[in-house]
Amino acid sequence: MTRTGRPPLTEERRAEIRLEIARAAVDLFVRQGVTGTTGDQIGQAVGMSARTLWRYFPSKESCVRPLLTAGIDVIAACLRDWLPGQPVEEAFARVLHTEGRVVAGPEPAAVGALVRLTRTEPGLRAVWLQAHDEAEPAFAHALAARSGLPADDLRPALRAAMLNAALRVAVEHYAWHTAGPGQDPATAEAELTASIRSALAVAAEGLR
């Protein structure tokens, strides 16, 4: 029997669509609030129905998740490659110099706007904290591999928790005290990078 219809989407394309949805959701949330935004509107912004949208995300708040988790694998890779005796902030230097967005994912300005909303939107706050909850074991596994320790060892778990908290606070500090509507993208990247560097420097002593 000959199969008809559209070919299945690749995982790469599905990830691209999820990121498109996330960008559209953040833009709508910033402009008209979470309560004032519907699944239909988010879907329309990316050219799909709400029914299709819900195949990708279980709720409108969860639509932003790809923007918050985009940096997890990058950070874990940096931690695995972290050289003995190297300051932790230097382990991220290559990524920060070339991308300027190791934590925030693709768009620092968009993530800054999103994290600002987490102060007043409990649903978004839950997604933000869930993203960090997901990141912590990935960091712990990377640190354990770097140190030659078992994956369930307490030491890399504690170091991962410290690093995770430092990065979360860095992004929140940027979002709540530095970022603002209409911020130039290059400025946003530079200021987020500076915030991350400062947080890593503060956490460095305990991470060693």
C-alpha atoms as a PDB file:
ATOM      1  CA  MET A   1       0.000   0.000   0.000  1.00  0.00           C
ATOM      2  CA  THR A   2       1.300   3.450  -0.910  1.00  0.00           C
ATOM      3  CA  ARG A   3       1.375   5.901   1.970  1.00  0.00           C
ATOM      4  CA  THR A   4      -0.053   9.347   1.345  1.00  0.00           C
ATOM      5  CA  GLY A   5       0.028  12.630   3.206  1.00  0.00           C
ATOM      6  CA  ARG A   6       2.875  14.693   4.572  1.00  0.00           C
ATOM      7  CA  PRO A   7       6.112  12.979   5.581  1.00  0.00           C
ATOM      8  CA  PRO A   8       6.764  12.905   9.349  1.00  0.00           C
ATOM      9  CA  LEU A   9       8.681  15.822  10.780  1.00  0.00           C
ATOM     10  CA  THR A  10      12.282  15.292  11.764  1.00  0.00           C
ATOM     11  CA  GLU A  11      13.285  15.886  15.380  1.00  0.00           C
ATOM     12  CA  GLU A  12      15.312  18.891  14.236  1.00  0.00           C
ATOM     13  CA  ARG A  13      12.289  20.428  12.528  1.00  0.00           C
ATOM     14  CA  ARG A  14      10.086  19.719  15.550  1.00  0.00           C
ATOM     15  CA  ALA A  15      12.620  21.524  17.732  1.00  0.00           C
ATOM     16  CA  GLU A  16      12.589  24.491  15.345  1.00  0.00           C
ATOM     17  CA  ILE A  17       8.793  24.644  15.475  1.00  0.00           C
ATOM     18  CA  ARG A  18       8.799  24.465  19.262  1.00  0.00           C
ATOM     19  CA  LEU A  19      11.229  27.392  19.355  1.00  0.00           C
ATOM     20  CA  GLU A  20       9.062  29.388  16.926  1.00  0.00           C
ATOM     21  CA  ILE A  21       6.073  28.777  19.190  1.00  0.00           C
ATOM     22  CA  ALA A  22       8.089  29.853  22.236  1.00  0.00           C
ATOM     23  CA  ARG A  23       9.114  33.129  20.608  1.00  0.00           C
ATOM     24  CA  ALA A  24       5.538  33.857  19.567  1.00  0.00           C
ATOM     25  CA  ALA A  25       4.208  33.053  23.045  1.00  0.00           C
ATOM     26  CA  VAL A  26       6.713  35.350  24.755  1.00  0.00           C
ATOM     27  CA  ASP A  27       5.888  38.181  22.350  1.00  0.00           C
ATOM     28  CA  LEU A  28       2.163  37.824  23.030  1.00  0.00           C
ATOM     29  CA  PHE A  29       2.633  37.453  26.798  1.00  0.00           C
ATOM     30  CA  VAL A  30       4.725  40.639  26.910  1.00  0.00           C
ATOM     31  CA  ARG A  31       2.278  42.632  24.785  1.00  0.00           C
ATOM     32  CA  GLN A  32      -1.045  41.517  26.249  1.00  0.00           C
ATOM     33  CA  GLY A  33      -0.322  39.458  29.341  1.00  0.00           C
ATOM     34  CA  VAL A  34      -0.616  35.744  29.984  1.00  0.00           C
ATOM     35  CA  THR A  35      -4.292  35.898  30.961  1.00  0.00           C
ATOM     36  CA  GLY A  36      -5.118  37.871  27.825  1.00  0.00           C
ATOM     37  CA  THR A  37      -3.374  35.414  25.524  1.00  0.00           C
ATOM     38  CA  THR A  38      -5.081  32.299  24.172  1.00  0.00           C
ATOM     39  CA  GLY A  39      -3.791  29.144  22.573  1.00  0.00           C
ATOM     40  CA  ASP A  40      -5.586  30.175  19.388  1.00  0.00           C
ATOM     41  CA  GLN A  41      -3.582  33.401  19.277  1.00  0.00           C
ATOM     42  CA  ILE A  42      -0.269  31.647  19.823  1.00  0.00           C
ATOM     43  CA  GLY A  43      -1.136  29.143  17.123  1.00  0.00           C
ATOM     44  CA  GLN A  44      -2.182  31.863  14.691  1.00  0.00           C
ATOM     45  CA  ALA A  45       1.126  33.662  15.253  1.00  0.00           C
ATOM     46  CA  VAL A  46       2.999  30.638  13.894  1.00  0.00           C
ATOM     47  CA  GLY A  47       0.419  29.551  11.320  1.00  0.00           C
ATOM     48  CA  MET A  48      -1.147  26.588  13.092  1.00  0.00           C
ATOM     49  CA  SER A  49      -4.384  25.745  14.853  1.00  0.00           C
ATOM     50  CA  ALA A  50      -4.689  25.565  18.622  1.00  0.00           C
ATOM     51  CA  ARG A  51      -5.349  21.836  18.226  1.00  0.00           C
ATOM     52  CA  THR A  52      -1.942  21.424  16.581  1.00  0.00           C
ATOM     53  CA  LEU A  53      -0.330  23.676  19.172  1.00  0.00           C
ATOM     54  CA  TRP A  54      -1.467  21.391  21.988  1.00  0.00           C
ATOM     55  CA  ARG A  55       0.362  18.506  20.332  1.00  0.00           C
ATOM     56  CA  TYR A  56       3.573  20.352  21.126  1.00  0.00           C
ATOM     57  CA  PHE A  57       2.740  21.785  24.554  1.00  0.00           C
ATOM     58  CA  PRO A  58       0.214  20.920  27.282  1.00  0.00           C
ATOM     59  CA  SER A  59      -0.501  24.547  28.249  1.00  0.00           C
ATOM     60  CA  LYS A  60       0.092  28.058  26.986  1.00  0.00           C
ATOM     61  CA  GLU A  61       2.618  28.752  29.785  1.00  0.00           C
ATOM     62  CA  SER A  62       4.645  25.669  28.849  1.00  0.00           C
ATOM     63  CA  CYS A  63       5.051  27.041  25.318  1.00  0.00           C
ATOM     64  CA  VAL A  64       7.987  29.140  26.544  1.00  0.00           C
ATOM     65  CA  ARG A  65       9.971  26.153  27.813  1.00  0.00           C
ATOM     66  CA  PRO A  66      12.310  25.798  24.774  1.00  0.00           C
ATOM     67  CA  LEU A  67      13.686  29.288  25.402  1.00  0.00           C
ATOM     68  CA  LEU A  68      14.549  28.314  28.971  1.00  0.00           C
ATOM     69  CA  THR A  69      16.133  24.928  28.315  1.00  0.00           C
ATOM     70  CA  ALA A  70      18.119  25.743  25.170  1.00  0.00           C
ATOM     71  CA  GLY A  71      21.394  26.176  27.052  1.00  0.00           C
ATOM     72  CA  ILE A  72      21.372  23.015  29.190  1.00  0.00           C
ATOM     73  CA  ASP A  73      23.357  20.790  26.821  1.00  0.00           C
ATOM     74  CA  VAL A  74      25.828  23.592  26.059  1.00  0.00           C
ATOM     75  CA  ILE A  75      26.538  24.166  29.743  1.00  0.00           C
ATOM     76  CA  ALA A  76      26.876  20.439  30.434  1.00  0.00           C
ATOM     77  CA  ALA A  77      29.411  20.152  27.596  1.00  0.00           C
ATOM     78  CA  CYS A  78      31.411  23.054  29.045  1.00  0.00           C
ATOM     79  CA  LEU A  79      31.459  21.346  32.427  1.00  0.00           C
ATOM     80  CA  ARG A  80      32.648  18.032  30.983  1.00  0.00           C
ATOM     81  CA  ASP A  81      35.494  19.868  29.208  1.00  0.00           C
ATOM     82  CA  TRP A  82      36.403  21.978  32.274  1.00  0.00           C
ATOM     83  CA  LEU A  83      40.155  21.483  32.762  1.00  0.00           C
ATOM     84  CA  PRO A  84      41.676  20.754  36.210  1.00  0.00           C
ATOM     85  CA  GLY A  85      42.790  23.972  37.850  1.00  0.00           C
ATOM     86  CA  GLN A  86      40.959  26.134  35.323  1.00  0.00           C
ATOM     87  CA  PRO A  87      38.709  28.840  36.822  1.00  0.00           C
ATOM     88  CA  VAL A  88      35.089  27.911  36.187  1.00  0.00           C
ATOM     89  CA  GLU A  89      34.370  31.203  34.438  1.00  0.00           C
ATOM     90  CA  GLU A  90      37.104  30.373  31.917  1.00  0.00           C
ATOM     91  CA  ALA A  91      35.452  27.036  31.160  1.00  0.00           C
ATOM     92  CA  PHE A  92      32.586  29.055  29.679  1.00  0.00           C
ATOM     93  CA  ALA A  93      34.758  31.691  28.015  1.00  0.00           C
ATOM     94  CA  ARG A  94      34.633  30.203  24.509  1.00  0.00           C
ATOM     95  CA  VAL A  95      30.842  29.963  24.533  1.00  0.00           C
ATOM     96  CA  LEU A  96      30.359  33.402  26.042  1.00  0.00           C
ATOM     97  CA  HIS A  97      32.724  34.993  23.550  1.00  0.00           C
ATOM     98  CA  THR A  98      31.202  33.342  20.499  1.00  0.00           C
ATOM     99  CA  GLU A  99      27.514  33.226  21.432  1.00  0.00           C
ATOM    100  CA  GLY A 100      26.939  35.402  24.469  1.00  0.00           C
ATOM    101  CA  ARG A 101      23.925  33.305  25.361  1.00  0.00           C
ATOM    102  CA  VAL A 102      25.032  30.215  27.217  1.00  0.00           C
ATOM    103  CA  VAL A 103      22.121  30.282  29.666  1.00  0.00           C
ATOM    104  CA  ALA A 104      19.401  32.260  27.998  1.00  0.00           C
ATOM    105  CA  GLY A 105      19.202  30.256  24.808  1.00  0.00           C
ATOM    106  CA  PRO A 106      18.708  31.927  21.439  1.00  0.00           C
ATOM    107  CA  GLU A 107      17.542  35.433  22.395  1.00  0.00           C
ATOM    108  CA  PRO A 108      18.703  37.124  25.618  1.00  0.00           C
ATOM    109  CA  ALA A 109      16.255  40.005  25.166  1.00  0.00           C
ATOM    110  CA  ALA A 110      13.316  37.612  24.751  1.00  0.00           C
ATOM    111  CA  VAL A 111      14.341  35.583  27.770  1.00  0.00           C
ATOM    112  CA  GLY A 112      14.835  38.771  29.771  1.00  0.00           C
ATOM    113  CA  ALA A 113      11.270  39.790  28.971  1.00  0.00           C
ATOM    114  CA  LEU A 114      10.045  36.315  29.873  1.00  0.00           C
ATOM    115  CA  VAL A 115      11.886  36.137  33.200  1.00  0.00           C
ATOM    116  CA  ARG A 116      10.538  39.569  34.137  1.00  0.00           C
ATOM    117  CA  LEU A 117       7.049  38.122  33.745  1.00  0.00           C
ATOM    118  CA  THR A 118       7.857  35.271  36.143  1.00  0.00           C
ATOM    119  CA  ARG A 119       7.717  37.741  39.020  1.00  0.00           C
ATOM    120  CA  THR A 120       3.980  38.201  38.551  1.00  0.00           C
ATOM    121  CA  GLU A 121       2.859  35.118  36.607  1.00  0.00           C
ATOM    122  CA  PRO A 122       2.898  31.928  38.754  1.00  0.00           C
ATOM    123  CA  GLY A 123       2.438  29.660  35.725  1.00  0.00           C
ATOM    124  CA  LEU A 124       5.521  31.057  34.031  1.00  0.00           C
ATOM    125  CA  ARG A 125       7.439  30.971  37.306  1.00  0.00           C
ATOM    126  CA  ALA A 126       6.703  27.258  37.562  1.00  0.00           C
ATOM    127  CA  VAL A 127       8.028  26.640  34.025  1.00  0.00           C
ATOM    128  CA  TRP A 128      11.157  28.692  34.795  1.00  0.00           C
ATOM    129  CA  LEU A 129      11.897  26.711  37.944  1.00  0.00           C
ATOM    130  CA  GLN A 130      11.116  23.419  36.201  1.00  0.00           C
ATOM    131  CA  ALA A 131      13.718  24.245  33.571  1.00  0.00           C
ATOM    132  CA  HIS A 132      16.329  24.656  36.298  1.00  0.00           C
ATOM    133  CA  ASP A 133      15.149  21.495  37.980  1.00  0.00           C
ATOM    134  CA  GLU A 134      15.769  19.677  34.696  1.00  0.00           C
ATOM    135  CA  ALA A 135      19.189  21.300  34.264  1.00  0.00           C
ATOM    136  CA  GLU A 136      20.611  20.290  37.636  1.00  0.00           C
ATOM    137  CA  PRO A 137      20.985  16.517  37.057  1.00  0.00           C
ATOM    138  CA  ALA A 138      22.509  17.210  33.624  1.00  0.00           C
ATOM    139  CA  PHE A 139      25.108  19.445  35.282  1.00  0.00           C
ATOM    140  CA  ALA A 140      25.699  16.883  38.033  1.00  0.00           C
ATOM    141  CA  HIS A 141      26.330  14.085  35.512  1.00  0.00           C
ATOM    142  CA  ALA A 142      28.779  16.296  33.611  1.00  0.00           C
ATOM    143  CA  LEU A 143      30.657  17.231  36.789  1.00  0.00           C
ATOM    144  CA  ALA A 144      30.752  13.598  37.908  1.00  0.00           C
ATOM    145  CA  ALA A 145      32.167  12.523  34.542  1.00  0.00           C
ATOM    146  CA  ARG A 146      34.790  15.274  34.719  1.00  0.00           C
ATOM    147  CA  SER A 147      35.860  14.191  38.207  1.00  0.00           C
ATOM    148  CA  GLY A 148      35.662  10.446  37.642  1.00  0.00           C
ATOM    149  CA  LEU A 149      33.029  10.121  40.364  1.00  0.00           C
ATOM    150  CA  PRO A 150      29.892   7.968  40.370  1.00  0.00           C
ATOM    151  CA  ALA A 151      26.836   9.638  38.879  1.00  0.00           C
ATOM    152  CA  ASP A 152      25.039   9.468  42.248  1.00  0.00           C
ATOM    153  CA  ASP A 153      27.924  10.925  44.273  1.00  0.00           C
ATOM    154  CA  LEU A 154      26.905  13.785  46.584  1.00  0.00           C
ATOM    155  CA  ARG A 155      29.789  16.084  45.646  1.00  0.00           C
ATOM    156  CA  PRO A 156      28.966  16.716  41.961  1.00  0.00           C
ATOM    157  CA  ALA A 157      25.280  16.985  42.912  1.00  0.00           C
ATOM    158  CA  LEU A 158      26.062  19.773  45.383  1.00  0.00           C
ATOM    159  CA  ARG A 159      28.354  21.550  42.932  1.00  0.00           C
ATOM    160  CA  ALA A 160      25.691  21.301  40.240  1.00  0.00           C
ATOM    161  CA  ALA A 161      23.141  22.825  42.614  1.00  0.00           C
ATOM    162  CA  MET A 162      25.502  25.720  43.353  1.00  0.00           C
ATOM    163  CA  LEU A 163      26.176  26.328  39.677  1.00  0.00           C
ATOM    164  CA  ASN A 164      22.506  26.045  38.781  1.00  0.00           C
ATOM    165  CA  ALA A 165      21.547  28.584  41.449  1.00  0.00           C
ATOM    166  CA  ALA A 166      24.300  30.964  40.334  1.00  0.00           C
ATOM    167  CA  LEU A 167      23.130  30.866  36.728  1.00  0.00           C
ATOM    168  CA  ARG A 168      19.471  31.285  37.687  1.00  0.00           C
ATOM    169  CA  VAL A 169      20.267  34.306  39.859  1.00  0.00           C
ATOM    170  CA  ALA A 170      22.445  35.778  37.097  1.00  0.00           C
ATOM    171  CA  VAL A 171      19.639  35.621  34.534  1.00  0.00           C
ATOM    172  CA  GLU A 172      17.082  36.940  37.032  1.00  0.00           C
ATOM    173  CA  HIS A 173      19.372  39.817  38.001  1.00  0.00           C
ATOM    174  CA  TYR A 174      19.817  40.698  34.337  1.00  0.00           C
ATOM    175  CA  ALA A 175      16.078  40.436  33.662  1.00  0.00           C
ATOM    176  CA  TRP A 176      14.894  42.330  36.736  1.00  0.00           C
ATOM    177  CA  HIS A 177      17.555  45.023  37.024  1.00  0.00           C
ATOM    178  CA  THR A 178      19.151  45.512  33.598  1.00  0.00           C
ATOM    179  CA  ALA A 179      16.997  44.313  30.718  1.00  0.00           C
ATOM    180  CA  GLY A 180      14.142  46.421  29.431  1.00  0.00           C
ATOM    181  CA  PRO A 181      11.653  46.705  26.564  1.00  0.00           C
ATOM    182  CA  GLY A 182      13.247  47.611  23.244  1.00  0.00           C
ATOM    183  CA  GLN A 183      16.768  46.802  24.387  1.00  0.00           C
ATOM    184  CA  ASP A 184      19.282  46.489  21.564  1.00  0.00           C
ATOM    185  CA  PRO A 185      20.069  42.761  20.975  1.00  0.00           C
ATOM    186  CA  ALA A 186      23.833  43.320  21.094  1.00  0.00           C
ATOM    187  CA  THR A 187      23.504  45.236  24.346  1.00  0.00           C
ATOM    188  CA  ALA A 188      21.265  42.524  25.763  1.00  0.00           C
ATOM    189  CA  GLU A 189      23.825  39.843  24.969  1.00  0.00           C
ATOM    190  CA  ALA A 190      26.678  41.876  26.444  1.00  0.00           C
ATOM    191  CA  GLU A 191      24.812  42.647  29.659  1.00  0.00           C
ATOM    192  CA  LEU A 192      23.590  39.085  30.140  1.00  0.00           C
ATOM    193  CA  THR A 193      27.136  37.817  29.551  1.00  0.00           C
ATOM    194  CA  ALA A 194      28.460  40.243  32.172  1.00  0.00           C
ATOM    195  CA  SER A 195      25.856  39.071  34.671  1.00  0.00           C
ATOM    196  CA  ILE A 196      26.753  35.421  34.054  1.00  0.00           C
ATOM    197  CA  ARG A 197      30.459  36.116  34.427  1.00  0.00           C
ATOM    198  CA  SER A 198      29.883  37.867  37.741  1.00  0.00           C
ATOM    199  CA  ALA A 199      27.760  34.997  39.052  1.00  0.00           C
ATOM    200  CA  LEU A 200      30.319  32.402  37.995  1.00  0.00           C
ATOM    201  CA  ALA A 201      33.094  34.360  39.681  1.00  0.00           C
ATOM    202  CA  VAL A 202      31.130  34.455  42.952  1.00  0.00           C
ATOM    203  CA  ALA A 203      30.384  30.722  42.743  1.00  0.00           C
ATOM    204  CA  ALA A 204      33.903  29.759  41.646  1.00  0.00           C
ATOM    205  CA  GLU A 205      35.396  29.202  45.099  1.00  0.00           C
ATOM    206  CA  GLY A 206      32.768  26.694  46.154  1.00  0.00           C
ATOM    207  CA  LEU A 207      32.819  24.961  42.752  1.00  0.00           C
ATOM    208  CA  ARG A 208      36.528  24.265  43.044  1.00  0.00           C
END
